[in-house]
């Protein structure tokens, strides 16, 4: 079973789950941009954090997933989102560690 991480929110799911259901947090944005969830996921990621109650977790806030569903999240996700998605997000911060504040 191969796992992938969403390059926008960092949730980790199987390839089958992303193909079948899309990203549970970001699919609306991907649909609006006209791209598939598979174009916005990466098999290359580092670190995993399990979130049971993201809205109550300081770690979830630290990795910017406190408004997302419970699940497993990658700390760093390699890859770049399609420009169509980035153009919809004025405050987008890449999850690959390349943005400098």
N, C-alpha and C. Protein backbone atom coordinates (compact mmCIF):
# COMPACT_ATOMS: atom_id res chain seq x y z
N UNK A 1 0.84 -1.17 0.00
CA UNK A 1 0.00 0.00 0.00
C UNK A 1 0.89 1.24 0.00
N UNK A 2 0.75 2.08 -0.99
CA UNK A 2 1.60 3.27 -1.03
C UNK A 2 0.85 4.47 -0.45
N UNK A 3 1.57 5.25 0.32
CA UNK A 3 0.99 6.42 0.95
C UNK A 3 1.50 7.68 0.27
N UNK A 4 0.64 8.70 0.28
CA UNK A 4 0.97 9.99 -0.29
C UNK A 4 0.53 11.06 0.69
N UNK A 5 1.09 12.24 0.56
CA UNK A 5 0.70 13.38 1.40
C UNK A 5 0.20 14.50 0.50
N UNK A 6 -0.84 15.16 0.93
CA UNK A 6 -1.36 16.32 0.21
C UNK A 6 -0.34 17.45 0.34
N UNK A 7 0.00 18.08 -0.76
CA UNK A 7 0.98 19.17 -0.73
C UNK A 7 0.40 20.46 -0.16
N UNK A 8 -0.92 20.52 0.00
CA UNK A 8 -1.53 21.72 0.56
C UNK A 8 -1.75 21.60 2.07
N UNK A 9 -2.40 20.53 2.52
CA UNK A 9 -2.68 20.40 3.96
C UNK A 9 -1.77 19.41 4.67
N UNK A 10 -1.16 18.48 3.94
CA UNK A 10 -0.24 17.53 4.55
C UNK A 10 -0.86 16.22 5.00
N UNK A 11 -2.18 16.05 4.83
CA UNK A 11 -2.79 14.80 5.29
C UNK A 11 -2.19 13.63 4.50
N UNK A 12 -1.98 12.52 5.19
CA UNK A 12 -1.40 11.33 4.57
C UNK A 12 -2.50 10.28 4.42
N UNK A 13 -2.64 9.79 3.20
CA UNK A 13 -3.61 8.75 2.88
C UNK A 13 -2.98 7.81 1.86
N UNK A 14 -3.67 6.72 1.58
CA UNK A 14 -3.20 5.83 0.54
C UNK A 14 -3.51 6.43 -0.83
N UNK A 15 -2.79 5.95 -1.83
CA UNK A 15 -3.05 6.38 -3.21
C UNK A 15 -4.50 6.09 -3.57
N UNK A 16 -5.00 4.95 -3.15
CA UNK A 16 -6.39 4.57 -3.44
C UNK A 16 -7.37 5.57 -2.84
N UNK A 17 -7.13 6.00 -1.60
CA UNK A 17 -8.02 6.96 -0.96
C UNK A 17 -8.01 8.30 -1.70
N UNK A 18 -6.84 8.79 -2.07
CA UNK A 18 -6.78 10.05 -2.81
C UNK A 18 -7.45 9.92 -4.18
N UNK A 19 -7.25 8.79 -4.84
CA UNK A 19 -7.86 8.59 -6.16
C UNK A 19 -9.37 8.49 -6.06
N UNK A 20 -9.85 7.74 -5.08
CA UNK A 20 -11.28 7.49 -4.92
C UNK A 20 -12.02 8.70 -4.35
N UNK A 21 -11.47 9.31 -3.28
CA UNK A 21 -12.20 10.33 -2.53
C UNK A 21 -11.62 11.74 -2.63
N UNK A 22 -10.39 11.86 -3.08
CA UNK A 22 -9.72 13.15 -3.08
C UNK A 22 -9.23 13.49 -1.68
N UNK A 23 -8.79 14.70 -1.49
CA UNK A 23 -8.31 15.15 -0.19
C UNK A 23 -9.51 15.61 0.64
N UNK A 24 -9.67 15.08 1.86
CA UNK A 24 -10.81 15.47 2.67
C UNK A 24 -10.79 16.94 3.13
N UNK A 25 -9.64 17.57 3.08
CA UNK A 25 -9.53 18.98 3.48
C UNK A 25 -9.52 19.94 2.30
N UNK A 26 -8.96 19.54 1.19
CA UNK A 26 -8.63 20.49 0.11
C UNK A 26 -9.34 20.23 -1.22
N UNK A 27 -10.16 19.21 -1.32
CA UNK A 27 -10.72 18.83 -2.61
C UNK A 27 -11.49 19.96 -3.28
N UNK A 28 -12.20 20.77 -2.50
CA UNK A 28 -12.94 21.90 -3.07
C UNK A 28 -12.02 22.88 -3.80
N UNK A 29 -10.86 23.14 -3.23
CA UNK A 29 -9.88 24.04 -3.86
C UNK A 29 -9.35 23.41 -5.14
N UNK A 30 -9.04 22.10 -5.08
CA UNK A 30 -8.52 21.41 -6.26
C UNK A 30 -9.55 21.41 -7.37
N UNK A 31 -10.83 21.19 -7.03
CA UNK A 31 -11.90 21.22 -8.03
C UNK A 31 -12.00 22.60 -8.66
N UNK A 32 -11.95 23.64 -7.83
CA UNK A 32 -12.03 25.01 -8.34
C UNK A 32 -10.87 25.33 -9.27
N UNK A 33 -9.70 24.79 -8.97
CA UNK A 33 -8.51 25.03 -9.81
C UNK A 33 -8.51 24.15 -11.06
N UNK A 34 -9.38 23.14 -11.09
CA UNK A 34 -9.44 22.25 -12.26
C UNK A 34 -8.32 21.23 -12.30
N UNK A 35 -7.84 20.81 -11.13
CA UNK A 35 -6.77 19.80 -11.07
C UNK A 35 -7.26 18.61 -10.25
N UNK A 36 -6.59 17.48 -10.41
CA UNK A 36 -6.96 16.29 -9.63
C UNK A 36 -6.18 16.28 -8.32
N UNK A 37 -6.71 15.54 -7.36
CA UNK A 37 -5.99 15.45 -6.08
C UNK A 37 -4.64 14.77 -6.25
N UNK A 38 -4.52 13.85 -7.21
CA UNK A 38 -3.24 13.17 -7.42
C UNK A 38 -2.16 14.14 -7.91
N UNK A 39 -2.56 15.19 -8.61
CA UNK A 39 -1.58 16.20 -9.05
C UNK A 39 -1.08 17.03 -7.87
N UNK A 40 -1.79 16.96 -6.75
CA UNK A 40 -1.50 17.79 -5.60
C UNK A 40 -1.01 16.98 -4.40
N UNK A 41 -0.57 15.75 -4.66
CA UNK A 41 -0.04 14.90 -3.60
C UNK A 41 1.37 14.46 -3.97
N UNK A 42 2.10 14.00 -2.96
CA UNK A 42 3.47 13.57 -3.18
C UNK A 42 3.74 12.28 -2.39
N UNK A 43 4.49 11.36 -3.00
CA UNK A 43 4.88 10.16 -2.25
C UNK A 43 6.09 10.42 -1.35
N UNK A 44 6.65 11.63 -1.43
CA UNK A 44 7.86 11.97 -0.68
C UNK A 44 7.51 12.98 0.42
N UNK A 45 7.57 12.51 1.65
CA UNK A 45 7.27 13.38 2.79
C UNK A 45 8.06 12.92 4.00
N UNK A 46 8.16 13.81 5.00
CA UNK A 46 8.93 13.52 6.21
C UNK A 46 8.08 13.77 7.44
N UNK A 47 8.28 12.94 8.45
CA UNK A 47 7.61 13.12 9.73
C UNK A 47 6.12 12.87 9.66
N UNK A 48 5.58 12.26 10.68
CA UNK A 48 4.15 12.04 10.78
C UNK A 48 3.67 12.45 12.16
N UNK A 49 2.52 13.10 12.20
CA UNK A 49 1.89 13.47 13.44
C UNK A 49 0.44 13.02 13.35
N UNK A 50 -0.01 12.27 14.34
CA UNK A 50 -1.40 11.85 14.39
C UNK A 50 -2.22 12.87 15.14
N UNK A 51 -3.33 13.30 14.55
CA UNK A 51 -4.19 14.30 15.16
C UNK A 51 -5.56 13.72 15.45
N UNK A 52 -5.91 13.63 16.72
CA UNK A 52 -7.25 13.18 17.13
C UNK A 52 -8.20 14.36 17.27
N UNK A 53 -7.69 15.45 17.83
CA UNK A 53 -8.49 16.66 18.03
C UNK A 53 -7.67 17.87 17.58
N UNK A 54 -7.55 18.05 16.27
CA UNK A 54 -6.69 19.14 15.76
C UNK A 54 -7.02 20.51 16.32
N UNK A 55 -8.29 20.80 16.55
CA UNK A 55 -8.66 22.14 17.04
C UNK A 55 -8.16 22.40 18.45
N UNK A 56 -7.79 21.37 19.19
CA UNK A 56 -7.32 21.53 20.57
C UNK A 56 -5.83 21.27 20.74
N UNK A 57 -5.12 21.05 19.64
CA UNK A 57 -3.72 20.65 19.70
C UNK A 57 -2.77 21.80 19.35
N UNK A 58 -1.79 22.05 20.22
CA UNK A 58 -0.79 23.08 19.90
C UNK A 58 0.08 22.63 18.73
N UNK A 59 0.32 21.31 18.61
CA UNK A 59 1.11 20.80 17.49
C UNK A 59 0.37 21.03 16.18
N UNK A 60 -0.93 20.78 16.19
CA UNK A 60 -1.75 21.02 14.98
C UNK A 60 -1.68 22.50 14.58
N UNK A 61 -1.74 23.37 15.56
CA UNK A 61 -1.63 24.82 15.27
C UNK A 61 -0.25 25.14 14.70
N UNK A 62 0.79 24.55 15.27
CA UNK A 62 2.16 24.79 14.84
C UNK A 62 2.38 24.38 13.38
N UNK A 63 1.77 23.24 12.96
CA UNK A 63 1.94 22.80 11.57
C UNK A 63 0.76 23.22 10.68
N UNK A 64 -0.07 24.13 11.20
CA UNK A 64 -1.20 24.73 10.47
C UNK A 64 -2.22 23.71 9.98
N UNK A 65 -2.60 22.77 10.84
CA UNK A 65 -3.65 21.83 10.48
C UNK A 65 -4.78 21.83 11.51
N UNK A 66 -4.82 22.85 12.38
CA UNK A 66 -5.80 22.89 13.47
C UNK A 66 -7.24 23.06 12.99
N UNK A 67 -7.45 23.44 11.74
CA UNK A 67 -8.82 23.57 11.21
C UNK A 67 -9.20 22.40 10.31
N UNK A 68 -8.36 21.39 10.25
CA UNK A 68 -8.61 20.24 9.39
C UNK A 68 -9.16 19.05 10.16
N UNK A 69 -9.51 17.99 9.44
CA UNK A 69 -10.08 16.79 10.05
C UNK A 69 -9.01 16.01 10.80
N UNK A 70 -9.39 15.19 11.76
CA UNK A 70 -8.42 14.32 12.42
C UNK A 70 -7.78 13.37 11.41
N UNK A 71 -6.53 13.01 11.65
CA UNK A 71 -5.83 12.09 10.76
C UNK A 71 -4.33 12.16 10.97
N UNK A 72 -3.61 11.54 10.05
CA UNK A 72 -2.15 11.55 10.06
C UNK A 72 -1.68 12.67 9.12
N UNK A 73 -0.77 13.50 9.59
CA UNK A 73 -0.26 14.63 8.80
C UNK A 73 1.25 14.59 8.71
N UNK A 74 1.76 14.90 7.52
CA UNK A 74 3.20 14.98 7.30
C UNK A 74 3.70 16.35 7.78
N UNK A 75 4.90 16.37 8.33
CA UNK A 75 5.51 17.63 8.75
C UNK A 75 6.05 18.39 7.54
N UNK A 76 6.66 17.68 6.62
CA UNK A 76 7.23 18.28 5.40
C UNK A 76 6.81 17.42 4.22
N UNK A 77 6.36 18.07 3.14
CA UNK A 77 5.94 17.36 1.93
C UNK A 77 6.74 17.91 0.76
N UNK A 78 7.46 17.03 0.07
CA UNK A 78 8.24 17.44 -1.09
C UNK A 78 7.34 17.61 -2.30
N UNK A 79 7.64 18.62 -3.10
CA UNK A 79 6.89 18.85 -4.33
C UNK A 79 6.27 20.22 -4.34
N UNK A 80 5.76 20.60 -5.49
CA UNK A 80 5.14 21.91 -5.68
C UNK A 80 3.73 21.74 -6.23
N UNK A 81 2.81 22.51 -5.66
CA UNK A 81 1.44 22.50 -6.15
C UNK A 81 1.36 23.10 -7.55
N UNK A 82 0.40 22.67 -8.34
CA UNK A 82 0.20 23.30 -9.65
C UNK A 82 -0.09 24.79 -9.49
N UNK A 83 0.36 25.58 -10.43
CA UNK A 83 0.20 27.03 -10.37
C UNK A 83 -1.28 27.41 -10.29
N UNK A 84 -2.16 26.61 -10.86
CA UNK A 84 -3.60 26.90 -10.81
C UNK A 84 -4.11 26.92 -9.38
N UNK A 85 -3.55 26.07 -8.53
CA UNK A 85 -3.95 26.03 -7.12
C UNK A 85 -3.32 27.20 -6.37
N UNK A 86 -2.05 27.42 -6.55
CA UNK A 86 -1.34 28.51 -5.85
C UNK A 86 -1.98 29.86 -6.17
N UNK A 87 -2.43 30.04 -7.40
CA UNK A 87 -3.06 31.31 -7.79
C UNK A 87 -4.34 31.59 -7.01
N UNK A 88 -5.01 30.54 -6.52
CA UNK A 88 -6.24 30.70 -5.74
C UNK A 88 -5.97 31.02 -4.27
N UNK A 89 -4.71 30.88 -3.84
CA UNK A 89 -4.37 30.97 -2.42
C UNK A 89 -3.37 32.10 -2.16
N UNK A 90 -3.86 33.30 -1.86
CA UNK A 90 -2.94 34.43 -1.68
C UNK A 90 -1.97 34.28 -0.51
N UNK A 91 -2.31 33.45 0.49
CA UNK A 91 -1.44 33.31 1.66
C UNK A 91 -0.84 31.91 1.75
N UNK A 92 -0.63 31.27 0.61
CA UNK A 92 -0.11 29.91 0.57
C UNK A 92 1.32 29.83 1.09
N UNK A 93 1.57 28.85 1.98
CA UNK A 93 2.91 28.57 2.48
C UNK A 93 3.26 27.14 2.05
N UNK A 94 4.30 26.95 1.25
CA UNK A 94 4.68 25.60 0.82
C UNK A 94 5.00 24.72 2.02
N UNK A 95 4.67 23.45 1.92
CA UNK A 95 4.95 22.48 2.98
C UNK A 95 6.30 21.80 2.78
N UNK A 96 7.07 22.28 1.80
CA UNK A 96 8.36 21.63 1.54
C UNK A 96 9.53 22.33 2.22
N UNK A 97 9.24 23.34 3.03
CA UNK A 97 10.27 24.02 3.79
C UNK A 97 11.02 25.10 3.04
N UNK A 98 10.55 25.49 1.85
CA UNK A 98 11.28 26.47 1.06
C UNK A 98 10.93 27.91 1.38
N UNK A 99 9.82 28.15 2.02
CA UNK A 99 9.43 29.54 2.31
C UNK A 99 10.19 30.05 3.50
N UNK A 100 10.71 31.24 3.36
CA UNK A 100 11.41 31.91 4.46
C UNK A 100 10.52 33.06 4.92
N UNK A 101 10.23 33.13 6.23
CA UNK A 101 9.36 34.18 6.76
C UNK A 101 10.02 35.53 6.74
